[in-house]
Protein backbone atom coordinates (compact mmCIF):
# COMPACT_ATOMS: atom_id res chain seq x y z
CA ASP A 1 55.46 6.51 -2.78
CA LEU A 2 51.79 5.54 -3.01
CA GLN A 3 50.33 3.80 0.01
CA LEU A 4 48.37 0.94 -1.58
CA GLY A 5 48.90 -1.93 0.83
CA PRO A 6 46.02 -4.11 2.09
CA GLN A 7 45.68 -1.95 5.21
CA HIS A 8 45.23 1.17 3.07
CA ILE A 9 42.65 -0.54 0.87
CA GLU A 10 40.76 -1.63 3.99
CA ALA A 11 40.93 1.88 5.51
CA PHE A 12 39.56 3.33 2.26
CA TYR A 13 36.73 0.76 2.27
CA GLN A 14 35.81 1.42 5.92
CA PHE A 15 35.75 5.18 5.34
CA CYS A 16 33.34 4.84 2.40
CA PHE A 17 31.25 2.27 4.29
CA ALA A 18 30.83 4.63 7.25
CA ARG A 19 29.36 7.36 5.03
CA ASP A 20 25.60 7.04 4.52
CA GLY A 21 25.14 6.83 0.76
CA GLY A 22 28.88 6.74 0.13
CA ALA A 23 31.83 9.15 0.10
CA THR A 24 32.48 11.87 -2.46
CA THR A 25 35.89 12.78 -3.84
CA GLU A 26 35.72 15.92 -1.69
CA ASP A 27 35.04 13.81 1.43
CA LEU A 28 38.10 11.69 0.65
CA THR A 29 40.50 14.55 -0.07
CA GLN A 30 39.41 16.42 3.05
CA ASN A 31 40.25 13.32 5.12
CA GLY A 32 43.78 12.72 3.87
CA TRP A 33 43.53 10.85 0.56
CA ASN A 34 45.04 12.56 -2.45
CA ALA A 35 43.93 12.24 -6.05
CA GLN A 36 46.81 9.88 -6.89
CA GLN A 37 45.67 7.43 -4.18
CA ILE A 38 41.90 7.50 -4.71
CA LEU A 39 41.76 5.94 -8.19
CA PRO A 40 44.08 2.96 -7.48
CA LEU A 41 42.35 2.25 -4.16
CA ALA A 42 38.93 2.44 -5.78
CA ASN A 43 40.04 0.14 -8.61
CA ALA A 44 41.36 -2.38 -6.09
CA LEU A 45 38.00 -2.47 -4.31
CA LEU A 46 36.09 -2.58 -7.60
CA SER A 47 38.07 -5.66 -8.63
CA GLN A 48 37.13 -7.27 -5.30
CA GLY A 49 33.45 -6.45 -5.81
CA ARG A 50 33.45 -4.30 -2.66
CA LEU A 51 32.76 -0.88 -4.17
CA ASN A 52 30.25 0.84 -6.44
CA LEU A 53 30.96 4.06 -8.33
CA VAL A 54 27.95 6.31 -8.93
CA GLN A 55 28.11 9.49 -10.98
CA ILE A 56 26.29 12.26 -9.08
CA GLY A 57 27.13 15.16 -11.36
CA PRO A 58 29.50 16.32 -14.10
CA GLY A 59 32.90 14.96 -13.07
CA GLN A 60 31.59 14.01 -9.61
CA LEU A 61 31.66 10.46 -8.28
CA MET A 62 30.20 8.80 -5.21
CA TYR A 63 32.19 5.88 -3.79
CA GLN A 64 29.74 3.41 -2.23
CA ALA A 65 31.10 0.52 -0.17
CA ILE A 66 29.24 -2.75 -0.64
CA ASP A 67 28.23 -4.65 2.49
CA GLN A 68 30.58 -7.61 2.87
CA SER A 69 27.60 -9.96 3.24
CA SER A 70 26.78 -9.09 -0.41
CA THR A 71 30.36 -9.13 -1.67
CA ALA A 72 30.13 -12.69 -3.02
CA LYS A 73 27.27 -11.67 -5.30
CA PHE A 74 29.42 -8.97 -6.91
CA ARG A 75 32.66 -10.95 -7.12
CA GLY A 76 33.88 -11.37 -10.68
CA LEU A 77 31.46 -8.85 -12.22
CA GLU A 78 32.85 -6.64 -14.95
CA GLY A 79 32.42 -2.91 -15.42
CA GLU A 80 29.36 -3.27 -17.65
CA HIS A 81 27.62 -5.34 -14.97
CA LEU A 82 28.29 -2.68 -12.33
CA LEU A 83 27.15 0.06 -14.72
CA VAL A 84 23.81 -1.68 -15.32
CA TYR A 85 23.41 -2.45 -11.62
CA GLN A 86 23.98 1.21 -10.68
CA THR A 87 21.50 2.37 -13.34
CA VAL A 88 18.87 -0.06 -12.03
CA ASP A 89 19.62 1.09 -8.48
CA LYS A 90 18.96 4.73 -9.44
CA SER A 91 15.53 3.80 -10.88
CA GLY A 92 14.26 3.03 -7.36
CA ASP A 93 10.80 1.48 -6.94
CA LYS A 94 9.62 2.56 -10.42
CA GLY A 95 12.21 0.38 -12.15
CA VAL A 96 13.73 0.81 -15.59
CA TRP A 97 12.96 -1.14 -18.75
CA SER A 98 15.56 -2.53 -21.15
CA LYS A 99 15.31 0.24 -23.76
CA ALA A 100 15.88 2.90 -21.10
CA LEU A 101 18.83 0.86 -19.79
CA LYS A 102 20.30 0.81 -23.30
CA ASP A 103 19.87 4.58 -23.66
CA GLN A 104 21.24 5.42 -20.21
CA THR A 105 24.26 3.09 -20.26
CA GLY A 106 25.19 3.30 -23.95
CA LEU A 107 25.47 -0.49 -24.09
CA GLN A 108 24.14 -2.59 -26.97
CA GLN A 109 20.84 -4.42 -26.50
CA HIS A 110 22.42 -7.89 -26.64
CA THR A 111 24.84 -6.78 -23.89
CA ILE A 112 21.93 -5.47 -21.77
CA THR A 113 20.17 -8.83 -22.15
CA LYS A 114 23.29 -10.81 -21.17
CA VAL A 115 24.13 -8.54 -18.21
CA THR A 116 20.60 -8.41 -16.75
CA LYS A 117 20.32 -12.20 -16.93
CA GLU A 118 23.55 -12.55 -14.96
CA LEU A 119 22.48 -9.95 -12.37
CA MET A 120 19.14 -11.74 -11.92
CA ARG A 121 20.91 -15.10 -11.62
CA ARG A 122 22.96 -13.65 -8.76
CA GLY A 123 19.85 -12.30 -7.05
CA LEU A 124 20.94 -8.67 -7.40
CA ILE A 125 18.05 -7.43 -9.55
CA LYS A 126 14.60 -8.70 -10.49
CA GLU A 127 12.13 -8.33 -13.34
CA VAL A 128 8.65 -6.95 -12.59
CA LYS A 129 5.66 -6.84 -14.95
CA SER A 130 4.30 -3.32 -15.31
CA VAL A 131 0.52 -2.90 -15.12
CA GLN A 132 0.87 0.49 -16.83
CA HIS A 133 2.43 -0.96 -19.98
CA ARG A 134 1.07 -4.36 -20.94
CA GLY A 135 3.80 -6.78 -21.94
CA ARG A 136 6.60 -4.57 -20.60
CA LYS A 137 8.88 -5.65 -17.77
CA VAL A 138 11.05 -3.34 -15.71
CA PHE A 139 14.17 -4.07 -13.71
CA MET A 140 14.73 -3.02 -10.09
CA LEU A 141 16.91 -4.13 -7.21
CA ALA A 142 15.87 -7.50 -5.80
CA GLU A 143 15.11 -6.10 -2.35
CA ILE A 144 12.93 -3.20 -3.57
CA GLU A 145 9.13 -3.30 -3.20
CA PRO A 146 7.64 -2.05 -6.51
CA ASP A 147 5.60 1.14 -6.51
CA LYS A 148 1.83 0.56 -6.88
CA SER A 149 1.91 2.34 -10.24
CA VAL A 150 4.12 -0.52 -11.45
CA SER A 151 2.78 -3.56 -9.58
CA GLY A 152 -0.89 -2.52 -9.33
CA GLY A 153 -0.83 -3.05 -5.56
CA THR A 154 -2.93 -5.61 -3.72
CA TRP A 155 -5.28 -6.35 -6.62
CA TYR A 156 -2.58 -7.52 -9.02
CA HIS A 157 -0.30 -10.55 -9.04
CA ASP A 158 2.59 -10.79 -11.49
CA GLY A 159 1.04 -8.00 -13.57
CA GLU A 160 -2.41 -9.62 -13.84
CA PHE A 161 -5.61 -8.54 -12.08
CA ALA A 162 -6.24 -11.00 -9.22
CA ARG A 163 -9.97 -11.45 -9.81
CA ASP A 164 -10.25 -14.58 -7.66
CA TRP A 165 -8.51 -12.84 -4.74
CA VAL A 166 -10.90 -9.88 -4.95
CA GLU A 167 -13.92 -12.20 -4.92
CA THR A 168 -12.46 -14.10 -1.96
CA LEU A 169 -12.06 -10.85 -0.03
CA ARG A 170 -15.64 -9.86 -0.86
CA GLU A 171 -16.86 -13.18 0.53
CA HIS A 172 -14.78 -12.72 3.69
CA CYS A 173 -16.26 -9.25 4.23
CA LYS A 174 -19.82 -10.49 3.66
CA SER A 175 -19.26 -13.41 6.00
CA PHE A 176 -18.01 -11.08 8.73
CA LEU A 177 -21.07 -8.81 8.45
CA GLU A 178 -23.39 -11.82 8.41
CA SER A 179 -21.85 -12.97 11.69
CA HIS A 180 -22.68 -9.52 13.12
CA SER A 181 -26.21 -9.34 11.72
CA GLY A 182 -28.23 -6.48 13.19
CA LYS A 183 -25.12 -4.68 14.40
CA VAL A 184 -22.73 -2.10 13.00
CA VAL A 185 -19.04 -2.86 12.57
CA SER A 186 -16.18 -0.45 11.99
CA LEU A 187 -13.68 -0.50 9.15
CA SER A 188 -10.97 -1.45 11.65
CA ASP A 189 -13.12 -4.42 12.77
CA VAL A 190 -13.39 -5.70 9.19
CA HIS A 191 -9.71 -5.04 8.49
CA ALA A 192 -8.64 -6.96 11.61
CA TYR A 193 -10.78 -9.92 10.52
CA ILE A 194 -9.39 -9.89 6.96
CA GLN A 195 -5.82 -9.87 8.27
CA GLN A 196 -6.52 -13.19 9.99
CA GLN A 197 -7.56 -14.86 6.72
CA PRO A 198 -5.05 -16.65 4.45
CA GLY A 199 -4.21 -15.05 1.13
CA PRO A 200 -1.46 -14.05 -1.31
CA SER A 201 -1.09 -10.58 0.22
CA ALA A 202 -2.08 -8.58 3.29
CA PRO A 203 -4.68 -5.94 2.33
CA THR A 204 -4.37 -2.50 3.90
CA ALA A 205 -7.28 -0.69 5.56
CA ASP A 206 -7.71 1.31 2.34
CA ASP A 207 -7.87 -1.93 0.35
CA VAL A 208 -10.60 -3.28 2.64
CA GLN A 209 -12.52 -0.01 2.37
CA ALA A 210 -12.41 -0.35 -1.44
CA ILE A 211 -13.83 -3.89 -1.16
CA MET A 212 -16.59 -2.67 1.17
CA ARG A 213 -17.42 0.05 -1.34
CA THR A 214 -18.03 -2.59 -4.04
CA LEU A 215 -20.40 -4.41 -1.68
CA GLU A 216 -22.23 -1.17 -1.01
CA LEU A 217 -22.62 -0.48 -4.74
CA ASP A 218 -24.01 -4.01 -5.11
CA GLU A 219 -26.57 -3.14 -2.38
CA VAL A 220 -25.23 -5.85 -0.06
CA ILE A 221 -24.30 -3.49 2.79
CA TYR A 222 -24.83 0.05 4.07
CA SER A 223 -22.01 2.37 5.05
CA VAL A 224 -22.66 5.28 7.41
CA GLN A 225 -20.34 7.96 8.67
CA THR A 226 -20.49 8.57 12.41
CA GLY A 227 -20.39 11.96 14.05
CA GLU A 228 -16.65 11.42 14.60
CA GLY A 229 -16.12 10.93 10.88
CA HIS A 230 -15.53 7.15 11.01
CA LEU A 231 -17.22 4.69 8.66
CA VAL A 232 -19.38 1.92 10.10
CA TYR A 233 -21.10 -0.84 8.16
CA THR A 234 -24.14 -3.04 8.54
CA GLN A 235 -25.62 -5.82 6.47
CA ARG A 236 -28.43 -4.75 4.17
CA ASP A 237 -31.51 -6.85 4.91
CA ARG A 238 -33.70 -8.05 2.06
CA GLY A 239 -37.41 -8.60 1.72
CA ALA A 240 -39.26 -11.80 0.90
CA ASN A 241 -38.68 -11.23 -2.83
CA GLY A 242 -34.94 -10.87 -2.28
CA ALA A 243 -34.90 -7.14 -3.01
CA PRO A 244 -32.91 -4.99 -0.55
CA PHE A 245 -34.86 -2.74 1.79
CA ASP A 246 -34.25 1.00 1.37
CA LEU A 247 -32.90 2.36 4.62
CA PHE A 248 -34.97 5.54 4.36
CA ALA A 249 -38.06 4.49 2.42
CA GLY A 250 -38.85 0.99 3.65
CA ARG A 251 -38.30 0.60 7.37
CA MET A 252 -36.21 1.53 10.35
CA PRO A 253 -33.60 -1.17 11.01
CA SER A 254 -33.44 -2.53 14.52
CA TRP A 255 -29.83 -1.41 14.94
CA MET A 256 -30.98 2.23 14.59
CA MET A 257 -33.43 1.95 17.51
CA PRO A 258 -32.43 3.57 20.83
CA GLU A 259 -32.12 0.43 22.91
CA ARG A 260 -29.68 -1.01 20.36
CA LYS A 261 -27.39 2.03 20.51
CA GLU A 262 -24.44 2.55 22.78
CA GLN A 263 -24.82 5.59 24.98
CA THR A 264 -22.38 8.46 24.99
CA ALA A 265 -20.90 10.03 28.12
CA ASN A 266 -23.98 12.21 28.66
CA GLY A 267 -26.31 9.27 28.15
CA LEU A 268 -27.89 10.16 24.77
CA VAL A 269 -27.19 9.28 21.15
CA VAL A 270 -29.52 10.75 18.53
CA PRO A 271 -30.08 8.98 15.19
CA CYS A 272 -28.43 11.94 13.40
CA LEU A 273 -24.98 10.61 14.29
CA LEU A 274 -25.43 7.61 12.00
CA CYS A 275 -27.63 9.22 9.35
CA PRO A 276 -26.00 9.22 5.90
CA LEU A 277 -28.18 12.20 4.88
CA LYS A 278 -27.20 14.44 7.77
CA ALA A 279 -25.17 16.67 5.45
CA GLU A 280 -28.34 17.43 3.42
CA CYS A 281 -30.60 17.90 6.45
CA HIS A 282 -31.65 21.46 7.33
CA PRO A 283 -34.82 23.17 8.63
CA GLY A 284 -37.41 23.57 5.87
CA GLY A 285 -35.60 21.31 3.40
CA ARG A 286 -36.72 18.08 1.77
CA VAL A 287 -34.65 16.29 4.39
CA CYS A 288 -35.36 18.18 7.59
CA PRO A 289 -35.60 17.62 11.37
CA GLU A 290 -39.31 18.63 11.43
CA ARG A 291 -40.33 15.66 9.26
CA CYS A 292 -37.63 13.18 10.30
CA GLU A 293 -39.24 9.82 11.07
CA TYR A 294 -36.05 8.70 12.79
CA ILE A 295 -36.10 11.53 15.31
CA ASP A 296 -39.86 11.05 15.80
CA ARG A 297 -39.41 7.33 16.48
CA TRP A 298 -36.41 8.00 18.69
CA VAL A 299 -38.38 10.48 20.85
CA ARG A 300 -41.48 8.25 21.06
CA HIS A 301 -39.39 5.20 21.96
CA ALA A 302 -37.19 6.95 24.50
CA GLY A 303 -38.97 5.05 27.30
CA PRO A 304 -39.16 1.26 27.76
CA SER A 305 -39.89 -0.39 24.42
CA ARG A 306 -43.03 -2.50 23.97
CA ARG A 307 -41.71 -4.07 20.78
CA ALA A 308 -40.46 -7.59 20.64
CA PRO A 309 -36.66 -7.78 20.78
CA GLY A 310 -35.16 -7.34 17.33
CA ALA A 311 -38.43 -6.16 15.75
CA ASP A 312 -38.23 -3.36 13.20
CA ALA A 313 -40.49 -0.33 13.26
CA LYS A 314 -42.37 0.52 10.05
CA VAL A 315 -41.58 3.93 8.62
CA ASN A 316 -43.60 5.69 5.93
CA ASP A 317 -41.74 7.19 2.97
CA TRP A 318 -41.66 10.95 2.87
């Protein structure tokens, strides 16, 4: 006499629901269900839209209970709908395109089209444009965030390069450095400022660093690595003709002078900590301490400065 009453169906559901990722046939048999019970109980839950069956190996099934808050979305779906849903689920954040769905499920293309439309209508799956394959869309679960290899990350929107958004971010970064003219700012400073600005997405620190790199290549800013390995930035001043000054050939910016620097615990900060050529500097080399104008200026200006506040010291090119 098979025990298939409502209480047995509910007990079967609760057991599968309590297992992270679902329950295997082995889990079920070890906990009192026999093979004659498992299939009818699973079918009862499948008909109620409360269970997914996932094949995890040859002849091996995983019984996954569906959260009751989502049950209404699955109610009335047929086996082909559940098969497509499970295949999309397995594709994770990379998604799966319609041809791969056809190959993996064995369903005809017109059936795939009909089923995916119904699953999207119910809010179970979504379609995402792939930046890797122009014109191709992939399916993934509605709640999944697409991998950057699919979506393109911050710089893409709906599969298209967000050129206006990139330019807006560049302007925000320039504006922030202009408001800190003559000072250095850290990457975290810029990132915190960008996060306060409205936009279609929230750029990460790496995204902001990429934007700052474009400004550096356009000779709008300088980036310098500190002795602790952190990047700091400053606005690149320009001469009367609009051309940017060369940090090493033209002059010594005021922010590099000793009185503009923050002191360390022992009271001294040498220019080397902010020098972008420190990795190439060695005794006797083209870039060397013996001929370093920065160190020379730093030593000669160690006492009270006679320069006007904010004035820049002229440095000859080596």
